[in-house]
Amino acid sequence: MIEVSMAFKNSDTDYGSIAKWIHWFMAMLFLAAYVSVYYRQWFTEAKTPENWTALQLHLSFGVSIMAIVLLRLVWRAMNKSPLPEPGTNMEHLAAHVGHYALYAIMIIAPITGYIGTGVNTEFFFLFDIPKFSDTAMFQYFVVESWGLTFKEFEKPIDFIHKEILGAWLIWILIAGHAGAALFHHFVKKDRTLKKMTSNAP
């Protein structure tokens, strides 16, 4: 019973099963969010049911990412991280910077996606989540404090979400993250990748 409960948590050598599930579930959600938005852009016509469905799936995946990020942050705060593999101070610094950048993206991307969307989110067509412009927070902070309309507010938020994050920054960070894992696995031949995939030595 003790061994089973310990497997859920991180150890000095490996991530626990919960951290692994959250990590890979997040990866699948990001992939699904990209597939849905690119499908909408490339294969559907504006103002068609298919276009709307793809948009709503993208929004639903985004909201799911936001929820899982919160869970991931809570679980990370409750667990120690495995000890780093041997490496130079520069390698360890680069790994920390990369991870913090990924966490920032995982928080900023879904938030800017939600607050810059002008329609309700039909969460996987189960129930509606009101758009940000219909909330009291939007009225207080954006309208009353900044004196902006939704169109004025939406333009810079959309630029951040679509042109900066979605178009290139997220891809760069994901490619760097995956590339570093593969470098550790095939070149340095250490356990960096295995910590998130298995408990095998």
C-alpha atoms as a PDB file:
ATOM      1  CA  MET A   1       0.000   0.000   0.000  1.00  0.00           C
ATOM      2  CA  ILE A   2       2.862   2.371   0.817  1.00  0.00           C
ATOM      3  CA  GLU A   3       4.598   1.537  -2.482  1.00  0.00           C
ATOM      4  CA  VAL A   4       1.415   2.258  -4.457  1.00  0.00           C
ATOM      5  CA  SER A   5       0.825   5.619  -2.763  1.00  0.00           C
ATOM      6  CA  MET A   6       4.462   6.619  -3.213  1.00  0.00           C
ATOM      7  CA  ALA A   7       4.218   5.880  -6.972  1.00  0.00           C
ATOM      8  CA  PHE A   8       1.704   8.689  -7.315  1.00  0.00           C
ATOM      9  CA  LYS A   9       4.216  11.231  -6.027  1.00  0.00           C
ATOM     10  CA  ASN A  10       7.560  12.356  -7.384  1.00  0.00           C
ATOM     11  CA  SER A  11      10.732  10.798  -6.053  1.00  0.00           C
ATOM     12  CA  ASP A  12      14.398  11.774  -6.256  1.00  0.00           C
ATOM     13  CA  THR A  13      14.746   9.709  -9.437  1.00  0.00           C
ATOM     14  CA  ASP A  14      11.375   9.903 -11.217  1.00  0.00           C
ATOM     15  CA  TYR A  15       8.197  11.883 -11.658  1.00  0.00           C
ATOM     16  CA  GLY A  16       5.194  10.213 -10.078  1.00  0.00           C
ATOM     17  CA  SER A  17       2.283   8.872 -12.097  1.00  0.00           C
ATOM     18  CA  ILE A  18       0.111  11.943 -11.491  1.00  0.00           C
ATOM     19  CA  ALA A  19       2.803  14.334 -12.747  1.00  0.00           C
ATOM     20  CA  LYS A  20       3.302  12.113 -15.794  1.00  0.00           C
ATOM     21  CA  TRP A  21      -0.400  11.966 -16.614  1.00  0.00           C
ATOM     22  CA  ILE A  22      -0.742  15.738 -16.247  1.00  0.00           C
ATOM     23  CA  HIS A  23       2.327  16.334 -18.439  1.00  0.00           C
ATOM     24  CA  TRP A  24       1.180  14.121 -21.307  1.00  0.00           C
ATOM     25  CA  PHE A  25      -2.461  15.186 -21.027  1.00  0.00           C
ATOM     26  CA  MET A  26      -1.315  18.805 -21.340  1.00  0.00           C
ATOM     27  CA  ALA A  27       0.692  17.876 -24.436  1.00  0.00           C
ATOM     28  CA  MET A  28      -2.373  16.239 -26.005  1.00  0.00           C
ATOM     29  CA  LEU A  29      -4.561  19.246 -25.184  1.00  0.00           C
ATOM     30  CA  PHE A  30      -2.103  21.654 -26.818  1.00  0.00           C
ATOM     31  CA  LEU A  31      -1.937  19.403 -29.893  1.00  0.00           C
ATOM     32  CA  ALA A  32      -5.736  19.194 -30.055  1.00  0.00           C
ATOM     33  CA  ALA A  33      -6.042  22.982 -29.705  1.00  0.00           C
ATOM     34  CA  TYR A  34      -3.679  23.472 -32.639  1.00  0.00           C
ATOM     35  CA  VAL A  35      -5.339  20.821 -34.802  1.00  0.00           C
ATOM     36  CA  SER A  36      -8.778  22.361 -34.276  1.00  0.00           C
ATOM     37  CA  VAL A  37      -7.698  25.943 -35.008  1.00  0.00           C
ATOM     38  CA  TYR A  38      -5.661  25.004 -38.091  1.00  0.00           C
ATOM     39  CA  TYR A  39      -8.479  22.797 -39.346  1.00  0.00           C
ATOM     40  CA  ARG A  40     -10.788  25.799 -39.000  1.00  0.00           C
ATOM     41  CA  GLN A  41      -8.395  28.095 -40.869  1.00  0.00           C
ATOM     42  CA  TRP A  42      -7.419  25.723 -43.659  1.00  0.00           C
ATOM     43  CA  PHE A  43     -10.448  23.508 -44.305  1.00  0.00           C
ATOM     44  CA  THR A  44     -13.615  25.416 -43.376  1.00  0.00           C
ATOM     45  CA  GLU A  45     -15.455  28.429 -44.710  1.00  0.00           C
ATOM     46  CA  ALA A  46     -16.418  31.345 -42.476  1.00  0.00           C
ATOM     47  CA  LYS A  47     -19.870  31.272 -40.911  1.00  0.00           C
ATOM     48  CA  THR A  48     -20.453  27.572 -41.575  1.00  0.00           C
ATOM     49  CA  PRO A  49     -21.388  24.918 -38.977  1.00  0.00           C
ATOM     50  CA  GLU A  50     -18.011  23.224 -39.486  1.00  0.00           C
ATOM     51  CA  ASN A  51     -16.189  26.498 -38.861  1.00  0.00           C
ATOM     52  CA  TRP A  52     -18.180  27.104 -35.679  1.00  0.00           C
ATOM     53  CA  THR A  53     -17.614  23.552 -34.421  1.00  0.00           C
ATOM     54  CA  ALA A  54     -13.852  23.831 -34.940  1.00  0.00           C
ATOM     55  CA  LEU A  55     -13.818  27.182 -33.137  1.00  0.00           C
ATOM     56  CA  GLN A  56     -15.764  25.799 -30.194  1.00  0.00           C
ATOM     57  CA  LEU A  57     -13.475  22.783 -29.942  1.00  0.00           C
ATOM     58  CA  HIS A  58     -10.469  25.114 -29.907  1.00  0.00           C
ATOM     59  CA  LEU A  59     -12.047  27.206 -27.156  1.00  0.00           C
ATOM     60  CA  SER A  60     -12.988  24.096 -25.182  1.00  0.00           C
ATOM     61  CA  PHE A  61      -9.450  22.727 -25.378  1.00  0.00           C
ATOM     62  CA  GLY A  62      -8.149  26.129 -24.282  1.00  0.00           C
ATOM     63  CA  VAL A  63     -10.370  26.246 -21.220  1.00  0.00           C
ATOM     64  CA  SER A  64      -9.326  22.665 -20.403  1.00  0.00           C
ATOM     65  CA  ILE A  65      -5.666  23.701 -20.622  1.00  0.00           C
ATOM     66  CA  MET A  66      -6.357  26.543 -18.186  1.00  0.00           C
ATOM     67  CA  ALA A  67      -7.912  24.114 -15.682  1.00  0.00           C
ATOM     68  CA  ILE A  68      -5.141  21.526 -16.020  1.00  0.00           C
ATOM     69  CA  VAL A  69      -2.464  24.202 -15.627  1.00  0.00           C
ATOM     70  CA  LEU A  70      -3.948  25.137 -12.256  1.00  0.00           C
ATOM     71  CA  LEU A  71      -3.951  21.474 -11.242  1.00  0.00           C
ATOM     72  CA  ARG A  72      -0.366  21.118 -12.452  1.00  0.00           C
ATOM     73  CA  LEU A  73       0.802  24.133 -10.450  1.00  0.00           C
ATOM     74  CA  VAL A  74      -0.903  22.861  -7.289  1.00  0.00           C
ATOM     75  CA  TRP A  75       0.554  19.381  -7.713  1.00  0.00           C
ATOM     76  CA  ARG A  76       4.030  20.802  -8.408  1.00  0.00           C
ATOM     77  CA  ALA A  77       3.838  22.896  -5.231  1.00  0.00           C
ATOM     78  CA  MET A  78       2.976  19.761  -3.238  1.00  0.00           C
ATOM     79  CA  ASN A  79       5.769  17.618  -4.711  1.00  0.00           C
ATOM     80  CA  LYS A  80       9.516  17.804  -4.932  1.00  0.00           C
ATOM     81  CA  SER A  81      11.061  17.536  -8.377  1.00  0.00           C
ATOM     82  CA  PRO A  82      13.426  14.676  -9.213  1.00  0.00           C
ATOM     83  CA  LEU A  83      17.089  15.497  -8.844  1.00  0.00           C
ATOM     84  CA  PRO A  84      18.651  16.878 -12.034  1.00  0.00           C
ATOM     85  CA  GLU A  85      20.940  14.725 -14.130  1.00  0.00           C
ATOM     86  CA  PRO A  86      24.670  15.556 -14.082  1.00  0.00           C
ATOM     87  CA  GLY A  87      25.471  18.561 -16.228  1.00  0.00           C
ATOM     88  CA  THR A  88      27.079  21.968 -16.336  1.00  0.00           C
ATOM     89  CA  ASN A  89      25.680  24.994 -14.530  1.00  0.00           C
ATOM     90  CA  MET A  90      24.767  26.453 -17.923  1.00  0.00           C
ATOM     91  CA  GLU A  91      22.808  23.327 -18.860  1.00  0.00           C
ATOM     92  CA  HIS A  92      20.896  23.410 -15.578  1.00  0.00           C
ATOM     93  CA  LEU A  93      20.197  27.136 -15.973  1.00  0.00           C
ATOM     94  CA  ALA A  94      18.925  26.613 -19.525  1.00  0.00           C
ATOM     95  CA  ALA A  95      16.646  23.817 -18.312  1.00  0.00           C
ATOM     96  CA  HIS A  96      15.185  26.023 -15.556  1.00  0.00           C
ATOM     97  CA  VAL A  97      14.661  28.963 -17.917  1.00  0.00           C
ATOM     98  CA  GLY A  98      13.009  26.694 -20.478  1.00  0.00           C
ATOM     99  CA  HIS A  99      10.646  25.187 -17.922  1.00  0.00           C
ATOM    100  CA  TYR A 100       9.670  28.573 -16.492  1.00  0.00           C
ATOM    101  CA  ALA A 101       9.044  29.847 -20.029  1.00  0.00           C
ATOM    102  CA  LEU A 102       6.807  26.850 -20.744  1.00  0.00           C
ATOM    103  CA  TYR A 103       4.844  27.446 -17.536  1.00  0.00           C
ATOM    104  CA  ALA A 104       4.419  31.104 -18.500  1.00  0.00           C
ATOM    105  CA  ILE A 105       3.124  30.088 -21.933  1.00  0.00           C
ATOM    106  CA  MET A 106       0.747  27.516 -20.436  1.00  0.00           C
ATOM    107  CA  ILE A 107      -0.771  30.291 -18.318  1.00  0.00           C
ATOM    108  CA  ILE A 108      -0.702  33.232 -20.742  1.00  0.00           C
ATOM    109  CA  ALA A 109      -1.934  31.388 -23.859  1.00  0.00           C
ATOM    110  CA  PRO A 110      -5.279  30.146 -22.487  1.00  0.00           C
ATOM    111  CA  ILE A 111      -5.929  33.378 -20.580  1.00  0.00           C
ATOM    112  CA  THR A 112      -5.367  35.592 -23.630  1.00  0.00           C
ATOM    113  CA  GLY A 113      -7.406  33.139 -25.701  1.00  0.00           C
ATOM    114  CA  TYR A 114     -10.355  33.412 -23.346  1.00  0.00           C
ATOM    115  CA  ILE A 115     -10.345  37.148 -22.678  1.00  0.00           C
ATOM    116  CA  GLY A 116      -9.835  37.970 -26.362  1.00  0.00           C
ATOM    117  CA  THR A 117     -12.718  35.827 -27.621  1.00  0.00           C
ATOM    118  CA  GLY A 118     -15.938  37.578 -28.569  1.00  0.00           C
ATOM    119  CA  VAL A 119     -18.236  34.549 -28.241  1.00  0.00           C
ATOM    120  CA  ASN A 120     -19.341  32.246 -25.455  1.00  0.00           C
ATOM    121  CA  THR A 121     -17.498  28.953 -25.105  1.00  0.00           C
ATOM    122  CA  GLU A 122     -19.820  26.002 -25.671  1.00  0.00           C
ATOM    123  CA  PHE A 123     -17.664  23.701 -23.560  1.00  0.00           C
ATOM    124  CA  PHE A 124     -17.587  20.516 -25.650  1.00  0.00           C
ATOM    125  CA  PHE A 125     -21.234  21.363 -26.411  1.00  0.00           C
ATOM    126  CA  LEU A 126     -22.245  20.467 -22.854  1.00  0.00           C
ATOM    127  CA  PHE A 127     -22.735  23.934 -21.315  1.00  0.00           C
ATOM    128  CA  ASP A 128     -21.882  27.558 -22.027  1.00  0.00           C
ATOM    129  CA  ILE A 129     -19.085  29.580 -20.444  1.00  0.00           C
ATOM    130  CA  PRO A 130     -19.835  33.322 -20.786  1.00  0.00           C
ATOM    131  CA  LYS A 131     -17.385  35.339 -22.845  1.00  0.00           C
ATOM    132  CA  PHE A 132     -15.105  37.688 -20.927  1.00  0.00           C
ATOM    133  CA  SER A 133     -16.815  40.820 -22.244  1.00  0.00           C
ATOM    134  CA  ASP A 134     -20.025  39.740 -20.463  1.00  0.00           C
ATOM    135  CA  THR A 135     -18.357  39.492 -17.056  1.00  0.00           C
ATOM    136  CA  ALA A 136     -18.244  42.031 -14.240  1.00  0.00           C
ATOM    137  CA  MET A 137     -14.433  41.860 -14.355  1.00  0.00           C
ATOM    138  CA  PHE A 138     -14.417  43.111 -17.948  1.00  0.00           C
ATOM    139  CA  GLN A 139     -16.837  45.892 -17.093  1.00  0.00           C
ATOM    140  CA  TYR A 140     -14.779  47.063 -14.113  1.00  0.00           C
ATOM    141  CA  PHE A 141     -11.206  46.686 -15.369  1.00  0.00           C
ATOM    142  CA  VAL A 142     -11.569  47.257 -19.099  1.00  0.00           C
ATOM    143  CA  VAL A 143     -14.564  49.546 -19.524  1.00  0.00           C
ATOM    144  CA  GLU A 144     -14.581  51.595 -16.337  1.00  0.00           C
ATOM    145  CA  SER A 145     -10.858  51.626 -15.465  1.00  0.00           C
ATOM    146  CA  TRP A 146      -9.317  51.771 -18.954  1.00  0.00           C
ATOM    147  CA  GLY A 147     -12.237  53.212 -20.919  1.00  0.00           C
ATOM    148  CA  LEU A 148     -11.931  50.637 -23.701  1.00  0.00           C
ATOM    149  CA  THR A 149     -14.531  48.923 -25.838  1.00  0.00           C
ATOM    150  CA  PHE A 150     -14.194  45.193 -26.476  1.00  0.00           C
ATOM    151  CA  LYS A 151     -12.895  45.799 -30.015  1.00  0.00           C
ATOM    152  CA  GLU A 152     -10.187  48.121 -28.685  1.00  0.00           C
ATOM    153  CA  PHE A 153      -9.279  45.603 -25.977  1.00  0.00           C
ATOM    154  CA  GLU A 154      -9.439  42.603 -28.299  1.00  0.00           C
ATOM    155  CA  LYS A 155      -6.908  43.852 -30.869  1.00  0.00           C
ATOM    156  CA  PRO A 156      -3.721  43.736 -28.708  1.00  0.00           C
ATOM    157  CA  ILE A 157      -4.884  40.598 -26.882  1.00  0.00           C
ATOM    158  CA  ASP A 158      -5.469  38.810 -30.190  1.00  0.00           C
ATOM    159  CA  PHE A 159      -2.052  39.933 -31.402  1.00  0.00           C
ATOM    160  CA  ILE A 160      -0.404  38.414 -28.323  1.00  0.00           C
ATOM    161  CA  HIS A 161      -2.408  35.194 -28.484  1.00  0.00           C
ATOM    162  CA  LYS A 162      -2.312  34.559 -32.228  1.00  0.00           C
ATOM    163  CA  GLU A 163       0.671  36.359 -33.715  1.00  0.00           C
ATOM    164  CA  ILE A 164       3.215  36.107 -30.883  1.00  0.00           C
ATOM    165  CA  LEU A 165       2.285  33.012 -28.894  1.00  0.00           C
ATOM    166  CA  GLY A 166       0.349  30.816 -31.299  1.00  0.00           C
ATOM    167  CA  ALA A 167       2.205  31.537 -34.522  1.00  0.00           C
ATOM    168  CA  TRP A 168       5.770  31.012 -33.336  1.00  0.00           C
ATOM    169  CA  LEU A 169       6.703  31.329 -29.642  1.00  0.00           C
ATOM    170  CA  ILE A 170       4.830  28.231 -28.448  1.00  0.00           C
ATOM    171  CA  TRP A 171       6.289  26.205 -31.317  1.00  0.00           C
ATOM    172  CA  ILE A 172       9.823  27.373 -30.496  1.00  0.00           C
ATOM    173  CA  LEU A 173       9.477  26.462 -26.817  1.00  0.00           C
ATOM    174  CA  ILE A 174       7.881  23.084 -27.531  1.00  0.00           C
ATOM    175  CA  ALA A 175      10.541  22.260 -30.130  1.00  0.00           C
ATOM    176  CA  GLY A 176      13.259  23.305 -27.683  1.00  0.00           C
ATOM    177  CA  HIS A 177      11.707  21.232 -24.898  1.00  0.00           C
ATOM    178  CA  ALA A 178      11.355  18.125 -27.071  1.00  0.00           C
ATOM    179  CA  GLY A 179      14.787  18.632 -28.618  1.00  0.00           C
ATOM    180  CA  ALA A 180      16.436  18.918 -25.210  1.00  0.00           C
ATOM    181  CA  ALA A 181      14.716  15.726 -24.033  1.00  0.00           C
ATOM    182  CA  LEU A 182      15.880  13.834 -27.122  1.00  0.00           C
ATOM    183  CA  PHE A 183      19.414  15.250 -26.745  1.00  0.00           C
ATOM    184  CA  HIS A 184      19.568  13.983 -23.170  1.00  0.00           C
ATOM    185  CA  HIS A 185      18.199  10.586 -24.216  1.00  0.00           C
ATOM    186  CA  PHE A 186      20.251   9.868 -27.338  1.00  0.00           C
ATOM    187  CA  VAL A 187      23.391  11.964 -26.889  1.00  0.00           C
ATOM    188  CA  LYS A 188      23.974  12.276 -23.151  1.00  0.00           C
ATOM    189  CA  LYS A 189      22.185   8.956 -22.543  1.00  0.00           C
ATOM    190  CA  ASP A 190      20.901   9.989 -19.115  1.00  0.00           C
ATOM    191  CA  ARG A 191      17.473   9.495 -17.508  1.00  0.00           C
ATOM    192  CA  THR A 192      15.945  12.917 -18.248  1.00  0.00           C
ATOM    193  CA  LEU A 193      13.347  11.552 -20.683  1.00  0.00           C
ATOM    194  CA  LYS A 194      12.789   8.316 -18.767  1.00  0.00           C
ATOM    195  CA  LYS A 195      11.832  10.280 -15.662  1.00  0.00           C
ATOM    196  CA  MET A 196       8.664  11.339 -17.478  1.00  0.00           C
ATOM    197  CA  THR A 197       8.012   8.088 -19.364  1.00  0.00           C
ATOM    198  CA  SER A 198       8.887   5.112 -17.144  1.00  0.00           C
ATOM    199  CA  ASN A 199      10.528   4.009 -13.946  1.00  0.00           C
ATOM    200  CA  ALA A 200      12.981   1.789 -15.758  1.00  0.00           C
ATOM    201  CA  PRO A 201      16.672   2.435 -15.023  1.00  0.00           C
END
